[in-house]
């Protein structure tokens, strides 16, 4: 009886030790799982907050002109169309040759761009956000100089002309004049998108304002 009693006691002692070990293993797994889930939850919330902030920034950029007087945002192309009815002379990039009321509207549109970047910089001081502004010139299909690349050069020169005009009116966007803003000039000639069905209406400018997101806090 003594041997059987000792065996029984040893079994139950070992069984209790096993259960105790399993308990601590399960407790450790629970703690690890809890910590992982808490971290994932925090990460999800941070990502959700970041997405919300990005959406707010995109909405602000898209609403550069709530009056619709100067810009029309086209979601399909992610571009702002400058609605000023610019009519250059054929083959010309001289912005001084267009009508004075058109030039004044171009100036007012430039003020809109500058004010937007300035306001966004003030609203998001704590965030590492820069803005890429692209002035894209377009041209109508008029076989200028009978060379398919000529209108590329011409539309680029028109974009340069617009920038120089803004600079002459103290709208300083490029050359690091506006904090957190990088400026690029381009010309898409006869092939940029979107294109107007009215050929002569394609003598215009497209404005791209692209937030360049770094680390959001």
Foldseek 3Di string as FASTA:
>chain_A
DVVVVVVVVVVVVVVVVVVVVVVVVVVVVVVVVVVVVVVVVVVVVVVVVVVVVVVVLLVLVQVLDVVPPAWDQDPVVQWTFGPQQWFDDVPDLASVPTDPVSLVSLLVVLVSVLVSLVVVCVVQVVFPKAKEKEKEFEAFPDCRVVDQCSQFVSRQSNSVNSQVSNVVVVSDQDPCPRPRYHYHYGYPYHDDPDDDPPRSSRRGIMMHIDMDGDDGD
